[in-house]
Amino acid sequence: MTVSLPSVLKELGIAVKSIPIISRTPGINCLGIIESISNSAADCPVDVGTHVWHAQPGWAPIDRMELERWMVDAPDGSHWLVSERKLIDLDRTSVSNRIRLELWGSEKLSNWIGQAILAGRLNLQLDEMITSPSIGGITARAEKSSPPPPDAMAIKPKVKLTEWLSQRDYEVLQVRPILLEGKSWHIEGHLLGPEETKERHHWILIEDPFSGQLTRMADCEPLPFVPQLEKISPSSWKTMEMVRSELPSVCEERRHWRVSQTADGGDVHGSILHWWRIEEKVAEMTSSPILIPGWQVDFTGNGWMIVHGLSGEILNLPKE
């Protein structure tokens, strides 16, 4: 579960005053400015007047480029960024002279909270380990904190949400990363070409029940880990026979086939485009879970909807 960082700070005697700052970096939210620190034993790593930021768990780590992009919009002064997302490739990060940054990862946060609990300064209840109440109705639709299947794989998003929102003049919307459940189909079969040519092939296809499409894995890049995010299930799935019936449109391809012909003037060589067609009726098919990136976005006037992380398509939440 996600720690309610404001509850932790409050119980430790660290008062944070809310301020009207909207982050242009989705998933990194400003909690406010530290107004006072009443408990000297709280081991607060920053001083009064510091901006406090929180990055909740997400499917993508915070790397050098994202951190530097966040710093461009951050106001001058001292900042404490607490990230529950993985931190990677930050050795070469260029910190601006106008920014004083204290950056914490999840391990440092866990140690800090653990020490406070052991010292008797912190006594959080389970109901304080919550997500934002503003999306309570949506998260009830999802499987929260459930471990992914052992054979599941997650895909990196193709959409850059910051640019996607900016292009549509949406820059102050609430967003939350999620995972959409899909299937990865492994197909073993043959392509039949001209002159009874036969080639064995292996295809990896993605069944995306939210877009209704079956596509090749192609340039989709897997994540090295499966993030512990809320997962949303589709309303329905394709049957194996439905997937099999779509194999010709997904797996078949056109190729140049070299031909030679002897004529009076000598040998003639050339190439002709031919369809190579899959033997779909005898193809071997197995499936495994795949998790597709996306975001829950609170669109003004329309409420919470899904932005697909591969296509950028706006989708309705599935009905309960």
C-alpha atoms as a PDB file:
ATOM      1  CA  MET A   1       0.000   0.000   0.000  1.00  0.00           C
ATOM      2  CA  THR A   2       1.035   3.603  -0.518  1.00  0.00           C
ATOM      3  CA  VAL A   3       2.096   5.496   2.580  1.00  0.00           C
ATOM      4  CA  SER A   4       0.085   8.631   3.294  1.00  0.00           C
ATOM      5  CA  LEU A   5       3.095  10.908   3.575  1.00  0.00           C
ATOM      6  CA  PRO A   6       1.086  13.869   4.952  1.00  0.00           C
ATOM      7  CA  SER A   7      -0.088  11.653   7.845  1.00  0.00           C
ATOM      8  CA  VAL A   8       3.499  10.648   8.601  1.00  0.00           C
ATOM      9  CA  LEU A   9       4.721  14.254   8.595  1.00  0.00           C
ATOM     10  CA  LYS A  10       1.819  15.435  10.733  1.00  0.00           C
ATOM     11  CA  GLU A  11       2.333  12.773  13.404  1.00  0.00           C
ATOM     12  CA  LEU A  12       6.043  13.518  13.525  1.00  0.00           C
ATOM     13  CA  GLY A  13       5.298  17.198  14.199  1.00  0.00           C
ATOM     14  CA  ILE A  14       6.238  18.466  10.735  1.00  0.00           C
ATOM     15  CA  ALA A  15       3.534  20.919   9.658  1.00  0.00           C
ATOM     16  CA  VAL A  16       3.124  21.355   5.908  1.00  0.00           C
ATOM     17  CA  LYS A  17       1.166  24.284   4.480  1.00  0.00           C
ATOM     18  CA  SER A  18      -0.607  23.607   1.192  1.00  0.00           C
ATOM     19  CA  ILE A  19       0.344  25.901  -1.701  1.00  0.00           C
ATOM     20  CA  PRO A  20      -1.131  26.243  -5.230  1.00  0.00           C
ATOM     21  CA  ILE A  21       1.662  24.578  -7.190  1.00  0.00           C
ATOM     22  CA  ILE A  22       0.689  22.171  -9.978  1.00  0.00           C
ATOM     23  CA  SER A  23       3.479  19.909 -11.164  1.00  0.00           C
ATOM     24  CA  ARG A  24       3.897  19.583 -14.926  1.00  0.00           C
ATOM     25  CA  THR A  25       5.603  16.235 -14.318  1.00  0.00           C
ATOM     26  CA  PRO A  26       2.808  13.650 -13.908  1.00  0.00           C
ATOM     27  CA  GLY A  27       3.059  11.551 -10.763  1.00  0.00           C
ATOM     28  CA  ILE A  28       5.184  14.056  -8.811  1.00  0.00           C
ATOM     29  CA  ASN A  29       2.939  16.173  -6.574  1.00  0.00           C
ATOM     30  CA  CYS A  30       3.752  19.088  -4.300  1.00  0.00           C
ATOM     31  CA  LEU A  31       2.380  18.576  -0.786  1.00  0.00           C
ATOM     32  CA  GLY A  32       3.252  22.133   0.270  1.00  0.00           C
ATOM     33  CA  ILE A  33       5.893  24.025   2.241  1.00  0.00           C
ATOM     34  CA  ILE A  34       7.138  23.038   5.692  1.00  0.00           C
ATOM     35  CA  GLU A  35       5.680  25.638   8.043  1.00  0.00           C
ATOM     36  CA  SER A  36       7.108  24.391  11.325  1.00  0.00           C
ATOM     37  CA  ILE A  37       8.926  21.456  12.927  1.00  0.00           C
ATOM     38  CA  SER A  38       7.674  21.047  16.488  1.00  0.00           C
ATOM     39  CA  ASN A  39       9.477  17.810  17.272  1.00  0.00           C
ATOM     40  CA  SER A  40      13.255  18.054  17.213  1.00  0.00           C
ATOM     41  CA  ALA A  41      13.486  14.249  17.427  1.00  0.00           C
ATOM     42  CA  ALA A  42      11.676  13.816  14.107  1.00  0.00           C
ATOM     43  CA  ASP A  43      15.025  13.730  12.257  1.00  0.00           C
ATOM     44  CA  CYS A  44      13.602  15.941   9.511  1.00  0.00           C
ATOM     45  CA  PRO A  45      16.296  16.163   6.808  1.00  0.00           C
ATOM     46  CA  VAL A  46      15.305  19.680   5.678  1.00  0.00           C
ATOM     47  CA  ASP A  47      14.499  23.056   7.237  1.00  0.00           C
ATOM     48  CA  VAL A  48      11.378  25.182   7.554  1.00  0.00           C
ATOM     49  CA  GLY A  49      10.450  26.739   4.202  1.00  0.00           C
ATOM     50  CA  THR A  50      11.295  23.645   2.160  1.00  0.00           C
ATOM     51  CA  HIS A  51       8.907  22.479  -0.567  1.00  0.00           C
ATOM     52  CA  VAL A  52       7.828  18.859  -0.023  1.00  0.00           C
ATOM     53  CA  TRP A  53       7.163  16.676  -3.079  1.00  0.00           C
ATOM     54  CA  HIS A  54       5.874  13.128  -3.263  1.00  0.00           C
ATOM     55  CA  ALA A  55       6.184  10.671  -6.170  1.00  0.00           C
ATOM     56  CA  GLN A  56       3.772   7.795  -5.613  1.00  0.00           C
ATOM     57  CA  PRO A  57       4.526   4.319  -7.013  1.00  0.00           C
ATOM     58  CA  GLY A  58       4.528   4.250 -10.815  1.00  0.00           C
ATOM     59  CA  TRP A  59       5.285   1.925 -13.744  1.00  0.00           C
ATOM     60  CA  ALA A  60       8.300   3.994 -14.789  1.00  0.00           C
ATOM     61  CA  PRO A  61      11.330   4.882 -12.655  1.00  0.00           C
ATOM     62  CA  ILE A  62      12.527   8.441 -12.131  1.00  0.00           C
ATOM     63  CA  ASP A  63      15.638   8.872 -14.218  1.00  0.00           C
ATOM     64  CA  ARG A  64      17.970  11.768 -14.925  1.00  0.00           C
ATOM     65  CA  MET A  65      15.864  13.240 -17.740  1.00  0.00           C
ATOM     66  CA  GLU A  66      12.631  13.219 -15.741  1.00  0.00           C
ATOM     67  CA  LEU A  67      14.291  14.696 -12.651  1.00  0.00           C
ATOM     68  CA  GLU A  68      15.874  17.492 -14.691  1.00  0.00           C
ATOM     69  CA  ARG A  69      12.520  18.149 -16.405  1.00  0.00           C
ATOM     70  CA  TRP A  70      10.877  18.473 -12.977  1.00  0.00           C
ATOM     71  CA  MET A  71      13.586  20.891 -11.809  1.00  0.00           C
ATOM     72  CA  VAL A  72      12.915  23.213 -14.750  1.00  0.00           C
ATOM     73  CA  ASP A  73       9.429  23.959 -13.364  1.00  0.00           C
ATOM     74  CA  ALA A  74      10.315  23.798  -9.657  1.00  0.00           C
ATOM     75  CA  PRO A  75      10.406  27.189  -7.899  1.00  0.00           C
ATOM     76  CA  ASP A  76      13.663  28.536  -6.472  1.00  0.00           C
ATOM     77  CA  GLY A  77      14.658  27.356  -3.026  1.00  0.00           C
ATOM     78  CA  SER A  78      14.902  24.169  -1.003  1.00  0.00           C
ATOM     79  CA  HIS A  79      13.063  21.014  -2.052  1.00  0.00           C
ATOM     80  CA  TRP A  80      12.540  17.587  -0.492  1.00  0.00           C
ATOM     81  CA  LEU A  81      11.429  15.000  -3.033  1.00  0.00           C
ATOM     82  CA  VAL A  82      10.311  11.674  -1.584  1.00  0.00           C
ATOM     83  CA  SER A  83       9.963   9.048  -4.312  1.00  0.00           C
ATOM     84  CA  GLU A  84       8.285   5.657  -4.023  1.00  0.00           C
ATOM     85  CA  ARG A  85       9.256   5.059  -7.652  1.00  0.00           C
ATOM     86  CA  LYS A  86      12.638   3.575  -8.454  1.00  0.00           C
ATOM     87  CA  LEU A  87      15.502   6.027  -8.918  1.00  0.00           C
ATOM     88  CA  ILE A  88      17.932   5.192 -11.719  1.00  0.00           C
ATOM     89  CA  ASP A  89      20.747   6.853 -13.707  1.00  0.00           C
ATOM     90  CA  LEU A  90      20.922   9.940 -11.484  1.00  0.00           C
ATOM     91  CA  ASP A  91      24.721  10.123 -11.173  1.00  0.00           C
ATOM     92  CA  ARG A  92      25.033  12.687 -13.983  1.00  0.00           C
ATOM     93  CA  THR A  93      22.052  14.838 -12.961  1.00  0.00           C
ATOM     94  CA  SER A  94      22.731  18.564 -13.302  1.00  0.00           C
ATOM     95  CA  VAL A  95      21.232  20.365 -10.315  1.00  0.00           C
ATOM     96  CA  SER A  96      20.553  24.052 -10.909  1.00  0.00           C
ATOM     97  CA  ASN A  97      22.186  26.588  -8.595  1.00  0.00           C
ATOM     98  CA  ARG A  98      18.736  27.933  -7.747  1.00  0.00           C
ATOM     99  CA  ILE A  99      17.623  24.505  -6.434  1.00  0.00           C
ATOM    100  CA  ARG A 100      18.693  22.809  -3.195  1.00  0.00           C
ATOM    101  CA  LEU A 101      17.443  19.247  -3.449  1.00  0.00           C
ATOM    102  CA  GLU A 102      17.087  16.479  -0.862  1.00  0.00           C
ATOM    103  CA  LEU A 103      16.120  13.348  -2.805  1.00  0.00           C
ATOM    104  CA  TRP A 104      14.839  10.259  -1.022  1.00  0.00           C
ATOM    105  CA  GLY A 105      14.043   6.874  -2.518  1.00  0.00           C
ATOM    106  CA  SER A 106      11.662   4.293  -1.089  1.00  0.00           C
ATOM    107  CA  GLU A 107      14.410   2.542   0.879  1.00  0.00           C
ATOM    108  CA  LYS A 108      15.408   5.720   2.702  1.00  0.00           C
ATOM    109  CA  LEU A 109      11.736   6.538   3.383  1.00  0.00           C
ATOM    110  CA  SER A 110      11.135   3.036   4.760  1.00  0.00           C
ATOM    111  CA  ASN A 111      14.169   3.276   7.057  1.00  0.00           C
ATOM    112  CA  TRP A 112      13.053   6.693   8.323  1.00  0.00           C
ATOM    113  CA  ILE A 113       9.510   5.502   9.049  1.00  0.00           C
ATOM    114  CA  GLY A 114      10.797   2.270  10.605  1.00  0.00           C
ATOM    115  CA  GLN A 115      13.126   4.115  12.966  1.00  0.00           C
ATOM    116  CA  ALA A 116      10.320   6.468  13.997  1.00  0.00           C
ATOM    117  CA  ILE A 117       8.011   3.528  14.757  1.00  0.00           C
ATOM    118  CA  LEU A 118      10.693   1.723  16.796  1.00  0.00           C
ATOM    119  CA  ALA A 119      11.396   4.925  18.730  1.00  0.00           C
ATOM    120  CA  GLY A 120       7.703   5.303  19.565  1.00  0.00           C
ATOM    121  CA  ARG A 121       7.350   8.591  17.678  1.00  0.00           C
ATOM    122  CA  LEU A 122       5.073   7.162  14.989  1.00  0.00           C
ATOM    123  CA  ASN A 123       2.001   4.969  15.389  1.00  0.00           C
ATOM    124  CA  LEU A 124       0.202   4.892  12.041  1.00  0.00           C
ATOM    125  CA  GLN A 125      -2.972   2.830  11.707  1.00  0.00           C
ATOM    126  CA  LEU A 126      -3.714   0.734   8.629  1.00  0.00           C
ATOM    127  CA  ASP A 127      -6.443   3.128   7.533  1.00  0.00           C
ATOM    128  CA  GLU A 128      -3.776   5.797   7.224  1.00  0.00           C
ATOM    129  CA  MET A 129      -1.976   3.744   4.592  1.00  0.00           C
ATOM    130  CA  ILE A 130      -4.293   5.005   1.897  1.00  0.00           C
ATOM    131  CA  THR A 131      -4.411   6.453  -1.564  1.00  0.00           C
ATOM    132  CA  SER A 132      -5.883   9.819  -2.408  1.00  0.00           C
ATOM    133  CA  PRO A 133      -9.567   9.965  -1.376  1.00  0.00           C
ATOM    134  CA  SER A 134     -10.391  11.860  -4.561  1.00  0.00           C
ATOM    135  CA  ILE A 135     -10.015   8.659  -6.565  1.00  0.00           C
ATOM    136  CA  GLY A 136     -11.535   6.274  -4.069  1.00  0.00           C
ATOM    137  CA  GLY A 137     -14.417   5.417  -6.372  1.00  0.00           C
ATOM    138  CA  ILE A 138     -12.045   4.495  -9.179  1.00  0.00           C
ATOM    139  CA  THR A 139      -9.590   2.431  -7.212  1.00  0.00           C
ATOM    140  CA  ALA A 140     -12.462   0.295  -5.969  1.00  0.00           C
ATOM    141  CA  ARG A 141     -12.659  -1.050  -9.527  1.00  0.00           C
ATOM    142  CA  ALA A 142      -9.060  -2.196  -9.475  1.00  0.00           C
ATOM    143  CA  GLU A 143      -7.142  -4.990  -7.816  1.00  0.00           C
ATOM    144  CA  LYS A 144      -5.070  -3.032  -5.336  1.00  0.00           C
ATOM    145  CA  SER A 145      -1.689  -4.227  -4.082  1.00  0.00           C
ATOM    146  CA  SER A 146      -2.175  -7.726  -5.503  1.00  0.00           C
ATOM    147  CA  PRO A 147       1.082  -9.291  -6.736  1.00  0.00           C
ATOM    148  CA  PRO A 148       1.313  -9.833 -10.493  1.00  0.00           C
ATOM    149  CA  PRO A 149       1.212 -13.400 -11.886  1.00  0.00           C
ATOM    150  CA  PRO A 150       4.704 -14.943 -11.972  1.00  0.00           C
ATOM    151  CA  ASP A 151       4.738 -15.055 -15.780  1.00  0.00           C
ATOM    152  CA  ALA A 152       3.401 -11.512 -16.270  1.00  0.00           C
ATOM    153  CA  MET A 153       5.304  -8.865 -18.222  1.00  0.00           C
ATOM    154  CA  ALA A 154       4.788  -5.098 -18.254  1.00  0.00           C
ATOM    155  CA  ILE A 155       5.336  -2.827 -21.265  1.00  0.00           C
ATOM    156  CA  LYS A 156       6.914   0.615 -21.344  1.00  0.00           C
ATOM    157  CA  PRO A 157       4.579   3.433 -22.426  1.00  0.00           C
ATOM    158  CA  LYS A 158       5.007   5.003 -25.855  1.00  0.00           C
ATOM    159  CA  VAL A 159       2.994   8.109 -24.940  1.00  0.00           C
ATOM    160  CA  LYS A 160       4.752  10.944 -23.102  1.00  0.00           C
ATOM    161  CA  LEU A 161       1.903  12.114 -20.921  1.00  0.00           C
ATOM    162  CA  THR A 162       3.329  15.578 -20.249  1.00  0.00           C
ATOM    163  CA  GLU A 163       3.496  16.333 -23.977  1.00  0.00           C
ATOM    164  CA  TRP A 164       0.134  14.631 -24.611  1.00  0.00           C
ATOM    165  CA  LEU A 165      -1.582  16.853 -22.018  1.00  0.00           C
ATOM    166  CA  SER A 166       0.200  20.003 -23.173  1.00  0.00           C
ATOM    167  CA  GLN A 167      -0.794  19.468 -26.816  1.00  0.00           C
ATOM    168  CA  ARG A 168      -4.439  19.351 -25.719  1.00  0.00           C
ATOM    169  CA  ASP A 169      -4.134  22.297 -23.299  1.00  0.00           C
ATOM    170  CA  TYR A 170      -4.544  19.962 -20.305  1.00  0.00           C
ATOM    171  CA  GLU A 171      -1.788  20.939 -17.904  1.00  0.00           C
ATOM    172  CA  VAL A 172      -3.434  20.949 -14.465  1.00  0.00           C
ATOM    173  CA  LEU A 173      -5.302  17.636 -14.435  1.00  0.00           C
ATOM    174  CA  GLN A 174      -4.898  15.004 -11.761  1.00  0.00           C
ATOM    175  CA  VAL A 175      -3.274  11.850 -13.106  1.00  0.00           C
ATOM    176  CA  ARG A 176      -2.434   8.453 -11.696  1.00  0.00           C
ATOM    177  CA  PRO A 177      -0.465   5.623 -13.391  1.00  0.00           C
ATOM    178  CA  ILE A 178      -2.228   2.275 -13.771  1.00  0.00           C
ATOM    179  CA  LEU A 179      -1.797  -1.039 -15.560  1.00  0.00           C
ATOM    180  CA  LEU A 180      -4.325  -2.441 -18.024  1.00  0.00           C
ATOM    181  CA  GLU A 181      -4.599  -6.207 -18.160  1.00  0.00           C
ATOM    182  CA  GLY A 182      -3.963  -7.867 -21.510  1.00  0.00           C
ATOM    183  CA  LYS A 183      -2.547 -11.091 -22.923  1.00  0.00           C
ATOM    184  CA  SER A 184       0.655 -11.978 -24.721  1.00  0.00           C
ATOM    185  CA  TRP A 185       0.090 -14.685 -27.335  1.00  0.00           C
ATOM    186  CA  HIS A 186       3.032 -16.839 -28.458  1.00  0.00           C
ATOM    187  CA  ILE A 187       2.367 -18.336 -31.883  1.00  0.00           C
ATOM    188  CA  GLU A 188       4.407 -21.190 -33.401  1.00  0.00           C
ATOM    189  CA  GLY A 189       3.601 -21.983 -37.017  1.00  0.00           C
ATOM    190  CA  HIS A 190       4.571 -21.863 -40.666  1.00  0.00           C
ATOM    191  CA  LEU A 191       4.380 -19.303 -43.435  1.00  0.00           C
ATOM    192  CA  LEU A 192       3.555 -20.728 -46.845  1.00  0.00           C
ATOM    193  CA  GLY A 193       5.190 -18.972 -49.783  1.00  0.00           C
ATOM    194  CA  PRO A 194       5.288 -19.432 -53.539  1.00  0.00           C
ATOM    195  CA  GLU A 195       6.342 -22.712 -55.138  1.00  0.00           C
ATOM    196  CA  GLU A 196       5.344 -24.635 -51.969  1.00  0.00           C
ATOM    197  CA  THR A 197       7.985 -22.844 -49.916  1.00  0.00           C
ATOM    198  CA  LYS A 198       7.457 -23.271 -46.178  1.00  0.00           C
ATOM    199  CA  GLU A 199       9.157 -21.409 -43.314  1.00  0.00           C
ATOM    200  CA  ARG A 200       8.725 -21.953 -39.587  1.00  0.00           C
ATOM    201  CA  HIS A 201       8.137 -18.785 -37.564  1.00  0.00           C
ATOM    202  CA  HIS A 202       7.493 -17.582 -34.040  1.00  0.00           C
ATOM    203  CA  TRP A 203       5.295 -14.548 -33.373  1.00  0.00           C
ATOM    204  CA  ILE A 204       4.544 -12.661 -30.170  1.00  0.00           C
ATOM    205  CA  LEU A 205       1.211 -10.847 -30.291  1.00  0.00           C
ATOM    206  CA  ILE A 206      -0.489  -8.499 -27.845  1.00  0.00           C
ATOM    207  CA  GLU A 207      -4.185  -8.852 -27.157  1.00  0.00           C
ATOM    208  CA  ASP A 208      -5.349  -5.455 -25.922  1.00  0.00           C
ATOM    209  CA  PRO A 209      -8.951  -5.879 -24.730  1.00  0.00           C
ATOM    210  CA  PHE A 210      -9.289  -2.152 -24.049  1.00  0.00           C
ATOM    211  CA  SER A 211      -8.688  -1.183 -27.682  1.00  0.00           C
ATOM    212  CA  GLY A 212     -10.040  -4.475 -29.041  1.00  0.00           C
ATOM    213  CA  GLN A 213      -6.893  -4.963 -31.140  1.00  0.00           C
ATOM    214  CA  LEU A 214      -4.542  -7.880 -31.703  1.00  0.00           C
ATOM    215  CA  THR A 215      -1.123  -6.614 -32.817  1.00  0.00           C
ATOM    216  CA  ARG A 216       2.474  -7.742 -33.060  1.00  0.00           C
ATOM    217  CA  MET A 217       4.748  -7.027 -30.125  1.00  0.00           C
ATOM    218  CA  ALA A 218       6.939  -5.205 -32.681  1.00  0.00           C
ATOM    219  CA  ASP A 219       8.588  -2.166 -31.100  1.00  0.00           C
ATOM    220  CA  CYS A 220       6.879  -2.474 -27.721  1.00  0.00           C
ATOM    221  CA  GLU A 221       9.622  -2.535 -25.112  1.00  0.00           C
ATOM    222  CA  PRO A 222       9.195  -4.560 -21.894  1.00  0.00           C
ATOM    223  CA  LEU A 223       9.933  -3.070 -18.495  1.00  0.00           C
ATOM    224  CA  PRO A 224      12.673  -4.811 -16.481  1.00  0.00           C
ATOM    225  CA  PHE A 225      10.191  -5.216 -13.610  1.00  0.00           C
ATOM    226  CA  VAL A 226       6.439  -5.251 -13.018  1.00  0.00           C
ATOM    227  CA  PRO A 227       5.412  -2.160 -11.001  1.00  0.00           C
ATOM    228  CA  GLN A 228       3.133  -2.661  -8.003  1.00  0.00           C
ATOM    229  CA  LEU A 229       0.290  -0.551  -9.390  1.00  0.00           C
ATOM    230  CA  GLU A 230      -3.464  -0.831  -9.522  1.00  0.00           C
ATOM    231  CA  LYS A 231      -4.558  -3.166 -12.304  1.00  0.00           C
ATOM    232  CA  ILE A 232      -7.774  -2.719 -14.257  1.00  0.00           C
ATOM    233  CA  SER A 233      -9.478  -5.745 -15.790  1.00  0.00           C
ATOM    234  CA  PRO A 234     -11.382  -5.579 -19.108  1.00  0.00           C
ATOM    235  CA  SER A 235     -15.069  -6.306 -19.478  1.00  0.00           C
ATOM    236  CA  SER A 236     -14.396  -9.257 -21.828  1.00  0.00           C
ATOM    237  CA  TRP A 237     -11.663 -11.281 -23.544  1.00  0.00           C
ATOM    238  CA  LYS A 238     -11.284 -12.870 -26.958  1.00  0.00           C
ATOM    239  CA  THR A 239     -11.585 -16.655 -27.071  1.00  0.00           C
ATOM    240  CA  MET A 240      -8.685 -18.675 -28.454  1.00  0.00           C
ATOM    241  CA  GLU A 241     -10.672 -19.347 -31.634  1.00  0.00           C
ATOM    242  CA  MET A 242     -11.340 -15.631 -32.062  1.00  0.00           C
ATOM    243  CA  VAL A 243      -7.607 -14.953 -31.783  1.00  0.00           C
ATOM    244  CA  ARG A 244      -6.845 -17.790 -34.207  1.00  0.00           C
ATOM    245  CA  SER A 245      -9.249 -16.338 -36.772  1.00  0.00           C
ATOM    246  CA  GLU A 246      -7.320 -13.034 -36.693  1.00  0.00           C
ATOM    247  CA  LEU A 247      -3.880 -14.601 -37.255  1.00  0.00           C
ATOM    248  CA  PRO A 248      -3.953 -14.207 -41.053  1.00  0.00           C
ATOM    249  CA  SER A 249      -4.415 -10.435 -40.842  1.00  0.00           C
ATOM    250  CA  VAL A 250      -1.663 -10.060 -38.219  1.00  0.00           C
ATOM    251  CA  CYS A 251       0.973 -12.652 -39.167  1.00  0.00           C
ATOM    252  CA  GLU A 252       0.880 -12.768 -42.956  1.00  0.00           C
ATOM    253  CA  GLU A 253       3.290 -10.628 -44.932  1.00  0.00           C
ATOM    254  CA  ARG A 254       4.301  -9.690 -48.477  1.00  0.00           C
ATOM    255  CA  ARG A 255       7.828 -10.434 -49.623  1.00  0.00           C
ATOM    256  CA  HIS A 256       9.849 -10.145 -52.790  1.00  0.00           C
ATOM    257  CA  TRP A 257      10.369 -13.514 -54.464  1.00  0.00           C
ATOM    258  CA  ARG A 258      13.220 -13.807 -56.963  1.00  0.00           C
ATOM    259  CA  VAL A 259      12.281 -15.432 -60.257  1.00  0.00           C
ATOM    260  CA  SER A 260      14.362 -16.538 -63.212  1.00  0.00           C
ATOM    261  CA  GLN A 261      13.150 -17.309 -66.688  1.00  0.00           C
ATOM    262  CA  THR A 262      15.009 -18.505 -69.763  1.00  0.00           C
ATOM    263  CA  ALA A 263      14.105 -16.782 -73.027  1.00  0.00           C
ATOM    264  CA  ASP A 264      15.587 -16.602 -76.489  1.00  0.00           C
ATOM    265  CA  GLY A 265      17.672 -13.632 -75.490  1.00  0.00           C
ATOM    266  CA  GLY A 266      19.071 -15.373 -72.398  1.00  0.00           C
ATOM    267  CA  ASP A 267      18.148 -15.656 -68.719  1.00  0.00           C
ATOM    268  CA  VAL A 268      15.837 -13.043 -67.218  1.00  0.00           C
ATOM    269  CA  HIS A 269      15.956 -12.348 -63.488  1.00  0.00           C
ATOM    270  CA  GLY A 270      13.586 -10.291 -61.366  1.00  0.00           C
ATOM    271  CA  SER A 271      11.412 -10.286 -58.287  1.00  0.00           C
ATOM    272  CA  ILE A 272       7.674 -10.388 -57.673  1.00  0.00           C
ATOM    273  CA  LEU A 273       5.745  -9.510 -54.532  1.00  0.00           C
ATOM    274  CA  HIS A 274       4.060 -12.569 -53.054  1.00  0.00           C
ATOM    275  CA  TRP A 275       1.864 -13.089 -50.011  1.00  0.00           C
ATOM    276  CA  TRP A 276       3.287 -15.471 -47.397  1.00  0.00           C
ATOM    277  CA  ARG A 277       0.314 -16.899 -45.548  1.00  0.00           C
ATOM    278  CA  ILE A 278       0.181 -18.526 -42.136  1.00  0.00           C
ATOM    279  CA  GLU A 279      -1.278 -21.980 -41.571  1.00  0.00           C
ATOM    280  CA  GLU A 280      -3.529 -20.634 -38.855  1.00  0.00           C
ATOM    281  CA  LYS A 281      -5.574 -23.814 -38.336  1.00  0.00           C
ATOM    282  CA  VAL A 282      -2.538 -25.810 -37.167  1.00  0.00           C
ATOM    283  CA  ALA A 283      -0.568 -23.004 -35.478  1.00  0.00           C
ATOM    284  CA  GLU A 284       0.329 -23.670 -31.824  1.00  0.00           C
ATOM    285  CA  MET A 285      -0.899 -20.950 -29.438  1.00  0.00           C
ATOM    286  CA  THR A 286      -0.117 -20.203 -25.800  1.00  0.00           C
ATOM    287  CA  SER A 287      -0.906 -17.082 -23.782  1.00  0.00           C
ATOM    288  CA  SER A 288       0.475 -15.328 -20.709  1.00  0.00           C
ATOM    289  CA  PRO A 289      -0.520 -12.136 -18.840  1.00  0.00           C
ATOM    290  CA  ILE A 290       0.757  -8.810 -20.082  1.00  0.00           C
ATOM    291  CA  LEU A 291       0.285  -5.433 -18.406  1.00  0.00           C
ATOM    292  CA  ILE A 292      -0.213  -2.371 -20.597  1.00  0.00           C
ATOM    293  CA  PRO A 293       0.655   1.114 -19.254  1.00  0.00           C
ATOM    294  CA  GLY A 294      -1.945   3.813 -18.853  1.00  0.00           C
ATOM    295  CA  TRP A 295      -3.163   6.639 -16.657  1.00  0.00           C
ATOM    296  CA  GLN A 296      -6.368   7.504 -14.874  1.00  0.00           C
ATOM    297  CA  VAL A 297      -6.959  11.170 -15.688  1.00  0.00           C
ATOM    298  CA  ASP A 298      -9.583  13.438 -14.135  1.00  0.00           C
ATOM    299  CA  PHE A 299     -10.872  15.390 -17.154  1.00  0.00           C
ATOM    300  CA  THR A 300     -12.731  18.558 -16.253  1.00  0.00           C
ATOM    301  CA  GLY A 301     -16.434  18.053 -16.871  1.00  0.00           C
ATOM    302  CA  ASN A 302     -16.060  14.379 -17.787  1.00  0.00           C
ATOM    303  CA  GLY A 303     -14.581  12.855 -14.638  1.00  0.00           C
ATOM    304  CA  TRP A 304     -12.040  10.062 -14.467  1.00  0.00           C
ATOM    305  CA  MET A 305     -11.141   8.330 -17.728  1.00  0.00           C
ATOM    306  CA  ILE A 306      -8.221   6.260 -19.013  1.00  0.00           C
ATOM    307  CA  VAL A 307      -5.439   7.476 -21.296  1.00  0.00           C
ATOM    308  CA  HIS A 308      -3.933   4.474 -23.074  1.00  0.00           C
ATOM    309  CA  GLY A 309      -0.145   4.415 -22.632  1.00  0.00           C
ATOM    310  CA  LEU A 310       0.603   2.952 -26.073  1.00  0.00           C
ATOM    311  CA  SER A 311      -1.876   4.737 -28.351  1.00  0.00           C
ATOM    312  CA  GLY A 312      -2.888   7.851 -26.383  1.00  0.00           C
ATOM    313  CA  GLU A 313      -6.537   6.889 -26.881  1.00  0.00           C
ATOM    314  CA  ILE A 314      -9.024   8.116 -24.255  1.00  0.00           C
ATOM    315  CA  LEU A 315     -11.085   5.236 -22.884  1.00  0.00           C
ATOM    316  CA  ASN A 316     -13.999   4.940 -20.521  1.00  0.00           C
ATOM    317  CA  LEU A 317     -13.473   3.037 -17.308  1.00  0.00           C
ATOM    318  CA  PRO A 318     -14.885  -0.494 -17.561  1.00  0.00           C
ATOM    319  CA  LYS A 319     -18.197  -0.990 -15.802  1.00  0.00           C
ATOM    320  CA  GLU A 320     -18.164  -2.822 -12.499  1.00  0.00           C
END
